[in-house]
Amino acid sequence: MKKEKYERVLAINNRLKELEDVKKEIASTTKFRLNYVYKDNEGCAEWRMKAVSNLFDKHDVMIRAEIQQEIDELNHEIETL
């Protein structure tokens, strides 16, 4: 295996681990919800976010699907290397 391919496989494996860790962490939809956060990591007031909670939920589903899509694409890339 050429050095470039080896380095790419390492990079893909690192990214896969990151994505799998995030996926596992957020697996429970009952524990997590998207929200805006101030730069000091304090969340916006829940009562204020209720007006857009349906948008957050819709995008949460889309983000989870994108995470899975990236995992699938990276696995496919590893198979082709």
N, C-alpha and C. Protein backbone atom coordinates (compact mmCIF):
# COMPACT_ATOMS: atom_id res chain seq x y z
N MET A 1 0.85 -1.18 0.00
CA MET A 1 0.00 0.00 0.00
C MET A 1 0.89 1.23 0.00
N LYS A 2 0.58 2.14 -0.87
CA LYS A 2 1.36 3.37 -0.96
C LYS A 2 1.11 4.24 0.28
N LYS A 3 2.07 5.09 0.54
CA LYS A 3 2.00 5.96 1.71
C LYS A 3 0.74 6.84 1.68
N GLU A 4 0.39 7.35 0.50
CA GLU A 4 -0.79 8.23 0.38
C GLU A 4 -2.07 7.47 0.74
N LYS A 5 -2.17 6.24 0.25
CA LYS A 5 -3.35 5.44 0.56
C LYS A 5 -3.41 5.12 2.05
N TYR A 6 -2.26 4.78 2.62
CA TYR A 6 -2.20 4.47 4.05
C TYR A 6 -2.64 5.68 4.88
N GLU A 7 -2.14 6.85 4.52
CA GLU A 7 -2.52 8.07 5.25
C GLU A 7 -4.01 8.37 5.08
N ARG A 8 -4.54 8.11 3.89
CA ARG A 8 -5.97 8.33 3.66
C ARG A 8 -6.80 7.37 4.49
N VAL A 9 -6.38 6.11 4.56
CA VAL A 9 -7.10 5.12 5.37
C VAL A 9 -7.08 5.54 6.84
N LEU A 10 -5.94 6.02 7.32
CA LEU A 10 -5.88 6.50 8.71
C LEU A 10 -6.82 7.66 8.94
N ALA A 11 -6.84 8.61 8.00
CA ALA A 11 -7.73 9.77 8.12
C ALA A 11 -9.19 9.33 8.11
N ILE A 12 -9.53 8.40 7.23
CA ILE A 12 -10.91 7.90 7.16
C ILE A 12 -11.27 7.20 8.46
N ASN A 13 -10.39 6.36 8.97
CA ASN A 13 -10.66 5.66 10.22
C ASN A 13 -10.87 6.63 11.38
N ASN A 14 -10.06 7.68 11.43
CA ASN A 14 -10.24 8.69 12.49
C ASN A 14 -11.60 9.38 12.36
N ARG A 15 -11.96 9.74 11.14
CA ARG A 15 -13.25 10.40 10.91
C ARG A 15 -14.40 9.46 11.24
N LEU A 16 -14.29 8.20 10.85
CA LEU A 16 -15.32 7.22 11.16
C LEU A 16 -15.50 7.09 12.67
N LYS A 17 -14.40 7.03 13.40
CA LYS A 17 -14.48 6.93 14.85
C LYS A 17 -15.19 8.14 15.44
N GLU A 18 -14.84 9.33 14.96
CA GLU A 18 -15.50 10.55 15.44
C GLU A 18 -17.00 10.50 15.18
N LEU A 19 -17.37 10.13 13.95
CA LEU A 19 -18.79 10.09 13.59
C LEU A 19 -19.54 9.02 14.37
N GLU A 20 -18.94 7.84 14.53
CA GLU A 20 -19.59 6.77 15.29
C GLU A 20 -19.76 7.17 16.75
N ASP A 21 -18.77 7.87 17.31
CA ASP A 21 -18.88 8.34 18.70
C ASP A 21 -20.02 9.33 18.86
N VAL A 22 -20.13 10.26 17.91
CA VAL A 22 -21.22 11.24 17.96
C VAL A 22 -22.56 10.54 17.79
N LYS A 23 -22.62 9.63 16.82
CA LYS A 23 -23.87 8.90 16.57
C LYS A 23 -24.32 8.14 17.82
N LYS A 24 -23.37 7.50 18.49
CA LYS A 24 -23.69 6.77 19.72
C LYS A 24 -24.14 7.74 20.83
N GLU A 25 -23.46 8.86 20.94
CA GLU A 25 -23.77 9.84 21.98
C GLU A 25 -25.18 10.41 21.82
N ILE A 26 -25.60 10.67 20.58
CA ILE A 26 -26.90 11.30 20.34
C ILE A 26 -27.98 10.29 19.97
N ALA A 27 -27.70 9.01 20.14
CA ALA A 27 -28.64 7.97 19.71
C ALA A 27 -30.03 8.14 20.33
N SER A 28 -30.08 8.58 21.56
CA SER A 28 -31.37 8.74 22.23
C SER A 28 -31.97 10.10 21.88
N THR A 29 -33.01 10.09 21.08
CA THR A 29 -33.66 11.35 20.70
C THR A 29 -34.40 11.97 21.87
N THR A 30 -34.65 11.19 22.92
CA THR A 30 -35.37 11.75 24.06
C THR A 30 -34.46 12.55 24.97
N LYS A 31 -33.15 12.34 24.87
CA LYS A 31 -32.22 13.05 25.73
C LYS A 31 -31.66 14.32 25.10
N PHE A 32 -31.70 14.42 23.77
CA PHE A 32 -31.06 15.52 23.08
C PHE A 32 -32.03 16.26 22.18
N ARG A 33 -31.75 17.54 22.01
CA ARG A 33 -32.53 18.38 21.11
C ARG A 33 -31.63 19.50 20.62
N LEU A 34 -31.76 19.83 19.35
CA LEU A 34 -30.98 20.94 18.83
C LEU A 34 -31.42 22.23 19.50
N ASN A 35 -30.49 23.16 19.61
CA ASN A 35 -30.77 24.43 20.25
C ASN A 35 -29.67 25.41 19.87
N TYR A 36 -29.95 26.67 19.94
CA TYR A 36 -28.91 27.67 19.78
C TYR A 36 -28.19 27.83 21.11
N VAL A 37 -26.90 28.04 21.01
CA VAL A 37 -26.08 28.18 22.21
C VAL A 37 -25.25 29.45 22.06
N TYR A 38 -25.18 30.22 23.13
CA TYR A 38 -24.32 31.40 23.14
C TYR A 38 -22.87 30.98 23.10
N LYS A 39 -21.99 31.88 22.75
CA LYS A 39 -20.57 31.54 22.64
C LYS A 39 -19.97 31.08 23.96
N ASP A 40 -20.60 31.38 25.07
CA ASP A 40 -20.11 30.89 26.37
C ASP A 40 -20.72 29.53 26.72
N ASN A 41 -21.34 28.88 25.73
CA ASN A 41 -21.95 27.55 25.86
C ASN A 41 -23.20 27.52 26.71
N GLU A 42 -23.76 28.64 27.00
CA GLU A 42 -25.04 28.66 27.71
C GLU A 42 -26.15 28.68 26.67
N GLY A 43 -27.12 27.80 26.85
CA GLY A 43 -28.21 27.68 25.88
C GLY A 43 -29.22 28.81 25.98
N CYS A 44 -29.90 29.05 24.87
CA CYS A 44 -30.99 30.02 24.88
C CYS A 44 -32.13 29.48 25.74
N ALA A 45 -32.93 30.38 26.23
CA ALA A 45 -34.05 30.00 27.09
C ALA A 45 -35.00 29.06 26.34
N GLU A 46 -35.41 27.99 27.03
CA GLU A 46 -36.28 27.00 26.41
C GLU A 46 -37.59 27.63 25.94
N TRP A 47 -38.15 28.52 26.72
CA TRP A 47 -39.43 29.14 26.34
C TRP A 47 -39.28 29.94 25.05
N ARG A 48 -38.11 30.47 24.81
CA ARG A 48 -37.89 31.26 23.60
C ARG A 48 -37.76 30.34 22.38
N MET A 49 -37.18 29.18 22.57
CA MET A 49 -36.92 28.26 21.46
C MET A 49 -38.16 27.46 21.07
N LYS A 50 -39.19 27.43 21.92
CA LYS A 50 -40.40 26.67 21.60
C LYS A 50 -41.02 27.11 20.28
N ALA A 51 -40.84 28.37 19.93
CA ALA A 51 -41.42 28.89 18.69
C ALA A 51 -40.81 28.24 17.45
N VAL A 52 -39.60 27.70 17.57
CA VAL A 52 -38.94 27.09 16.42
C VAL A 52 -38.57 25.64 16.68
N SER A 53 -39.15 25.04 17.70
CA SER A 53 -38.77 23.67 18.06
C SER A 53 -39.05 22.68 16.93
N ASN A 54 -40.11 22.90 16.17
CA ASN A 54 -40.40 21.99 15.05
C ASN A 54 -39.32 22.06 13.98
N LEU A 55 -38.74 23.24 13.78
CA LEU A 55 -37.64 23.38 12.83
C LEU A 55 -36.39 22.65 13.33
N PHE A 56 -36.10 22.80 14.62
CA PHE A 56 -34.96 22.09 15.19
C PHE A 56 -35.13 20.58 15.04
N ASP A 57 -36.32 20.08 15.32
CA ASP A 57 -36.57 18.64 15.21
C ASP A 57 -36.40 18.15 13.78
N LYS A 58 -36.90 18.92 12.82
CA LYS A 58 -36.77 18.54 11.41
C LYS A 58 -35.30 18.49 11.01
N HIS A 59 -34.54 19.48 11.41
CA HIS A 59 -33.13 19.52 11.05
C HIS A 59 -32.31 18.49 11.81
N ASP A 60 -32.74 18.13 13.00
CA ASP A 60 -32.08 17.07 13.75
C ASP A 60 -32.15 15.76 12.97
N VAL A 61 -33.31 15.46 12.43
CA VAL A 61 -33.48 14.25 11.64
C VAL A 61 -32.57 14.31 10.41
N MET A 62 -32.49 15.45 9.78
CA MET A 62 -31.65 15.61 8.59
C MET A 62 -30.17 15.47 8.95
N ILE A 63 -29.75 16.03 10.05
CA ILE A 63 -28.35 15.95 10.47
C ILE A 63 -27.97 14.51 10.79
N ARG A 64 -28.85 13.80 11.50
CA ARG A 64 -28.58 12.39 11.79
C ARG A 64 -28.44 11.58 10.50
N ALA A 65 -29.27 11.88 9.51
CA ALA A 65 -29.19 11.19 8.23
C ALA A 65 -27.88 11.53 7.50
N GLU A 66 -27.45 12.78 7.61
CA GLU A 66 -26.19 13.18 6.99
C GLU A 66 -25.00 12.50 7.65
N ILE A 67 -25.06 12.34 8.96
CA ILE A 67 -23.99 11.63 9.67
C ILE A 67 -23.91 10.21 9.15
N GLN A 68 -25.04 9.54 9.03
CA GLN A 68 -25.06 8.16 8.53
C GLN A 68 -24.59 8.11 7.09
N GLN A 69 -24.98 9.07 6.28
CA GLN A 69 -24.57 9.11 4.88
C GLN A 69 -23.05 9.25 4.77
N GLU A 70 -22.46 10.12 5.59
CA GLU A 70 -21.01 10.27 5.56
C GLU A 70 -20.31 8.99 6.01
N ILE A 71 -20.84 8.33 7.02
CA ILE A 71 -20.29 7.04 7.47
C ILE A 71 -20.33 6.04 6.32
N ASP A 72 -21.46 5.94 5.65
CA ASP A 72 -21.60 5.01 4.53
C ASP A 72 -20.62 5.32 3.40
N GLU A 73 -20.47 6.61 3.09
CA GLU A 73 -19.55 7.01 2.02
C GLU A 73 -18.10 6.69 2.39
N LEU A 74 -17.72 6.93 3.63
CA LEU A 74 -16.36 6.64 4.07
C LEU A 74 -16.08 5.13 4.07
N ASN A 75 -17.07 4.36 4.50
CA ASN A 75 -16.91 2.90 4.45
C ASN A 75 -16.74 2.41 3.00
N HIS A 76 -17.51 2.99 2.11
CA HIS A 76 -17.39 2.63 0.69
C HIS A 76 -16.01 3.02 0.15
N GLU A 77 -15.52 4.19 0.55
CA GLU A 77 -14.20 4.62 0.09
C GLU A 77 -13.11 3.66 0.59
N ILE A 78 -13.22 3.22 1.83
CA ILE A 78 -12.25 2.26 2.35
C ILE A 78 -12.29 0.96 1.53
N GLU A 79 -13.48 0.51 1.19
CA GLU A 79 -13.61 -0.72 0.40
C GLU A 79 -12.93 -0.58 -0.97
N THR A 80 -12.98 0.61 -1.54
CA THR A 80 -12.41 0.80 -2.88
C THR A 80 -10.91 1.05 -2.83
N LEU A 81 -10.36 1.37 -1.67
CA LEU A 81 -8.90 1.57 -1.57
C LEU A 81 -8.23 0.27 -1.52
